[in-house]
């Protein structure tokens, strides 16, 4: 149950940040955009997807990457469903970025958390 809630929390970090980003900038995420805006959006998404994966793993307190993998699957599935539904003007750049970059970034966030966890444990054992 803890892992499930951790993945939900990680997804909320990712999704709420995306909704706020597009709402505050008054941009339809499913319409064509300038390359510079797409790059900014992807960088923003990478940061929050990574943060979501990190937080999910931290909340779950797992030693493996299960939460990062689950979060990546949820983000990827959401992107695929959105591609099939083709909302808005039908531009697919946000969904493509989510599938190819943001979903893996959430796994990377959990990987960073796990690596930090191992490094901390190794440092503790070495100083004992």
C-alpha atoms as a PDB file:
ATOM      1  CA  UNK A   1       0.000   0.000   0.000  1.00  0.00           C
ATOM      2  CA  UNK A   2       2.871   2.364   0.813  1.00  0.00           C
ATOM      3  CA  UNK A   3       4.420   1.851  -2.637  1.00  0.00           C
ATOM      4  CA  UNK A   4       1.074   2.508  -4.335  1.00  0.00           C
ATOM      5  CA  UNK A   5       0.596   5.759  -2.433  1.00  0.00           C
ATOM      6  CA  UNK A   6       4.188   6.721  -3.187  1.00  0.00           C
ATOM      7  CA  UNK A   7       3.577   6.322  -6.927  1.00  0.00           C
ATOM      8  CA  UNK A   8       0.373   8.371  -6.640  1.00  0.00           C
ATOM      9  CA  UNK A   9       2.306  11.110  -4.828  1.00  0.00           C
ATOM     10  CA  UNK A  10       5.024  11.054  -7.492  1.00  0.00           C
ATOM     11  CA  UNK A  11       2.434  11.286 -10.244  1.00  0.00           C
ATOM     12  CA  UNK A  12       0.684  14.189  -8.523  1.00  0.00           C
ATOM     13  CA  UNK A  13       3.988  16.078  -8.354  1.00  0.00           C
ATOM     14  CA  UNK A  14       4.448  15.545 -12.087  1.00  0.00           C
ATOM     15  CA  UNK A  15       0.853  16.157 -13.189  1.00  0.00           C
ATOM     16  CA  UNK A  16       0.019  19.146 -10.982  1.00  0.00           C
ATOM     17  CA  UNK A  17       3.234  20.895 -11.990  1.00  0.00           C
ATOM     18  CA  UNK A  18       2.344  20.382 -15.673  1.00  0.00           C
ATOM     19  CA  UNK A  19      -1.217  21.641 -15.248  1.00  0.00           C
ATOM     20  CA  UNK A  20       0.009  24.715 -13.361  1.00  0.00           C
ATOM     21  CA  UNK A  21       2.699  25.395 -15.960  1.00  0.00           C
ATOM     22  CA  UNK A  22       0.285  25.429 -18.896  1.00  0.00           C
ATOM     23  CA  UNK A  23      -2.512  27.220 -17.009  1.00  0.00           C
ATOM     24  CA  UNK A  24      -0.283  29.997 -15.705  1.00  0.00           C
ATOM     25  CA  UNK A  25       1.178  30.550 -19.166  1.00  0.00           C
ATOM     26  CA  UNK A  26      -2.249  30.285 -20.849  1.00  0.00           C
ATOM     27  CA  UNK A  27      -1.002  27.691 -23.345  1.00  0.00           C
ATOM     28  CA  UNK A  28      -2.879  24.672 -24.691  1.00  0.00           C
ATOM     29  CA  UNK A  29      -0.494  21.734 -24.196  1.00  0.00           C
ATOM     30  CA  UNK A  30      -2.000  19.981 -27.219  1.00  0.00           C
ATOM     31  CA  UNK A  31      -1.446  22.757 -29.724  1.00  0.00           C
ATOM     32  CA  UNK A  32       1.656  23.459 -31.808  1.00  0.00           C
ATOM     33  CA  UNK A  33       4.337  25.562 -30.090  1.00  0.00           C
ATOM     34  CA  UNK A  34       7.586  27.295 -30.935  1.00  0.00           C
ATOM     35  CA  UNK A  35      10.737  25.195 -30.579  1.00  0.00           C
ATOM     36  CA  UNK A  36      12.008  27.386 -27.727  1.00  0.00           C
ATOM     37  CA  UNK A  37       8.808  26.926 -25.756  1.00  0.00           C
ATOM     38  CA  UNK A  38       8.887  23.184 -26.395  1.00  0.00           C
ATOM     39  CA  UNK A  39      12.453  23.043 -25.078  1.00  0.00           C
ATOM     40  CA  UNK A  40      11.558  25.031 -21.968  1.00  0.00           C
ATOM     41  CA  UNK A  41       8.520  22.835 -21.374  1.00  0.00           C
ATOM     42  CA  UNK A  42      10.532  19.645 -21.745  1.00  0.00           C
ATOM     43  CA  UNK A  43      13.232  20.900 -19.355  1.00  0.00           C
ATOM     44  CA  UNK A  44      10.526  21.816 -16.824  1.00  0.00           C
ATOM     45  CA  UNK A  45       8.885  18.419 -17.300  1.00  0.00           C
ATOM     46  CA  UNK A  46      12.187  16.588 -16.877  1.00  0.00           C
ATOM     47  CA  UNK A  47      12.776  18.341 -13.571  1.00  0.00           C
ATOM     48  CA  UNK A  48       9.351  17.511 -12.160  1.00  0.00           C
ATOM     49  CA  UNK A  49       9.241  13.965 -13.535  1.00  0.00           C
ATOM     50  CA  UNK A  50      12.622  13.318 -11.898  1.00  0.00           C
ATOM     51  CA  UNK A  51      11.434  14.901  -8.665  1.00  0.00           C
ATOM     52  CA  UNK A  52       8.296  12.747  -8.774  1.00  0.00           C
ATOM     53  CA  UNK A  53      10.374   9.583  -9.164  1.00  0.00           C
ATOM     54  CA  UNK A  54      12.733  10.618  -6.381  1.00  0.00           C
ATOM     55  CA  UNK A  55       9.888  11.413  -3.989  1.00  0.00           C
ATOM     56  CA  UNK A  56       7.996   8.216  -4.870  1.00  0.00           C
ATOM     57  CA  UNK A  57      11.026   6.102  -4.038  1.00  0.00           C
ATOM     58  CA  UNK A  58      11.706   8.081  -0.870  1.00  0.00           C
ATOM     59  CA  UNK A  59       8.123   7.719   0.386  1.00  0.00           C
ATOM     60  CA  UNK A  60       8.040   3.994  -0.369  1.00  0.00           C
ATOM     61  CA  UNK A  61      11.386   3.402   1.385  1.00  0.00           C
ATOM     62  CA  UNK A  62      12.226   0.637  -1.046  1.00  0.00           C
ATOM     63  CA  UNK A  63      15.735  -0.509  -1.944  1.00  0.00           C
ATOM     64  CA  UNK A  64      14.750  -1.283  -5.535  1.00  0.00           C
ATOM     65  CA  UNK A  65      13.418   0.836  -8.418  1.00  0.00           C
ATOM     66  CA  UNK A  66       9.862  -0.504  -8.400  1.00  0.00           C
ATOM     67  CA  UNK A  67       8.274   2.884  -7.695  1.00  0.00           C
ATOM     68  CA  UNK A  68      10.288   4.610 -10.412  1.00  0.00           C
ATOM     69  CA  UNK A  69       9.340   1.894 -12.888  1.00  0.00           C
ATOM     70  CA  UNK A  70       5.671   2.097 -11.889  1.00  0.00           C
ATOM     71  CA  UNK A  71       5.654   5.885 -12.180  1.00  0.00           C
ATOM     72  CA  UNK A  72       7.333   5.702 -15.597  1.00  0.00           C
ATOM     73  CA  UNK A  73       4.644   3.240 -16.720  1.00  0.00           C
ATOM     74  CA  UNK A  74       1.853   5.500 -15.457  1.00  0.00           C
ATOM     75  CA  UNK A  75       3.300   8.573 -17.202  1.00  0.00           C
ATOM     76  CA  UNK A  76       3.925   6.582 -20.388  1.00  0.00           C
ATOM     77  CA  UNK A  77       0.448   5.064 -20.372  1.00  0.00           C
ATOM     78  CA  UNK A  78      -1.079   8.503 -19.879  1.00  0.00           C
ATOM     79  CA  UNK A  79       0.890   9.781 -22.872  1.00  0.00           C
ATOM     80  CA  UNK A  80      -0.251   6.873 -25.045  1.00  0.00           C
ATOM     81  CA  UNK A  81      -3.896   7.328 -24.058  1.00  0.00           C
ATOM     82  CA  UNK A  82      -3.624  11.036 -24.813  1.00  0.00           C
ATOM     83  CA  UNK A  83      -2.055  10.288 -28.212  1.00  0.00           C
ATOM     84  CA  UNK A  84      -4.943   7.994 -29.078  1.00  0.00           C
ATOM     85  CA  UNK A  85      -7.548  10.509 -27.874  1.00  0.00           C
ATOM     86  CA  UNK A  86      -5.827  13.383 -29.763  1.00  0.00           C
ATOM     87  CA  UNK A  87      -7.191  16.277 -27.683  1.00  0.00           C
ATOM     88  CA  UNK A  88      -6.955  19.936 -28.668  1.00  0.00           C
ATOM     89  CA  UNK A  89      -5.518  20.832 -32.041  1.00  0.00           C
ATOM     90  CA  UNK A  90      -3.963  17.414 -32.284  1.00  0.00           C
ATOM     91  CA  UNK A  91      -0.275  18.339 -31.860  1.00  0.00           C
ATOM     92  CA  UNK A  92       1.527  15.416 -30.219  1.00  0.00           C
ATOM     93  CA  UNK A  93       4.729  17.047 -28.999  1.00  0.00           C
ATOM     94  CA  UNK A  94       3.799  16.999 -25.298  1.00  0.00           C
ATOM     95  CA  UNK A  95       2.687  13.375 -25.406  1.00  0.00           C
ATOM     96  CA  UNK A  96       5.774  12.338 -27.361  1.00  0.00           C
ATOM     97  CA  UNK A  97       8.028  14.126 -24.875  1.00  0.00           C
ATOM     98  CA  UNK A  98       6.204  12.495 -21.974  1.00  0.00           C
ATOM     99  CA  UNK A  99       6.559   9.039 -23.488  1.00  0.00           C
ATOM    100  CA  UNK A 100      10.171   9.281 -24.673  1.00  0.00           C
ATOM    101  CA  UNK A 101      11.732  11.642 -22.106  1.00  0.00           C
ATOM    102  CA  UNK A 102       9.587  12.366 -19.062  1.00  0.00           C
ATOM    103  CA  UNK A 103       8.602   8.783 -18.232  1.00  0.00           C
ATOM    104  CA  UNK A 104      12.266   7.663 -18.248  1.00  0.00           C
ATOM    105  CA  UNK A 105      13.150  10.767 -16.197  1.00  0.00           C
ATOM    106  CA  UNK A 106      10.850   9.588 -13.416  1.00  0.00           C
ATOM    107  CA  UNK A 107      12.750   6.301 -13.309  1.00  0.00           C
ATOM    108  CA  UNK A 108      16.017   8.257 -13.304  1.00  0.00           C
ATOM    109  CA  UNK A 109      14.778  10.243 -10.306  1.00  0.00           C
ATOM    110  CA  UNK A 110      14.193   7.037  -8.385  1.00  0.00           C
ATOM    111  CA  UNK A 111      17.594   5.759  -9.528  1.00  0.00           C
ATOM    112  CA  UNK A 112      19.264   8.901  -8.117  1.00  0.00           C
ATOM    113  CA  UNK A 113      17.422   8.359  -4.823  1.00  0.00           C
ATOM    114  CA  UNK A 114      18.584   4.743  -4.712  1.00  0.00           C
ATOM    115  CA  UNK A 115      22.174   5.670  -5.551  1.00  0.00           C
ATOM    116  CA  UNK A 116      22.212   8.336  -2.813  1.00  0.00           C
ATOM    117  CA  UNK A 117      20.747   5.780  -0.413  1.00  0.00           C
ATOM    118  CA  UNK A 118      23.517   3.294  -1.234  1.00  0.00           C
ATOM    119  CA  UNK A 119      26.238   5.947  -1.010  1.00  0.00           C
ATOM    120  CA  UNK A 120      24.976   7.070   2.391  1.00  0.00           C
ATOM    121  CA  UNK A 121      24.877   3.475   3.633  1.00  0.00           C
ATOM    122  CA  UNK A 122      28.399   2.810   2.307  1.00  0.00           C
ATOM    123  CA  UNK A 123      29.736   5.979   3.956  1.00  0.00           C
ATOM    124  CA  UNK A 124      28.127   5.008   7.266  1.00  0.00           C
ATOM    125  CA  UNK A 125      29.659   1.522   7.126  1.00  0.00           C
ATOM    126  CA  UNK A 126      33.102   2.906   6.208  1.00  0.00           C
ATOM    127  CA  UNK A 127      33.125   5.360   9.114  1.00  0.00           C
ATOM    128  CA  UNK A 128      32.032   2.741  11.656  1.00  0.00           C
END
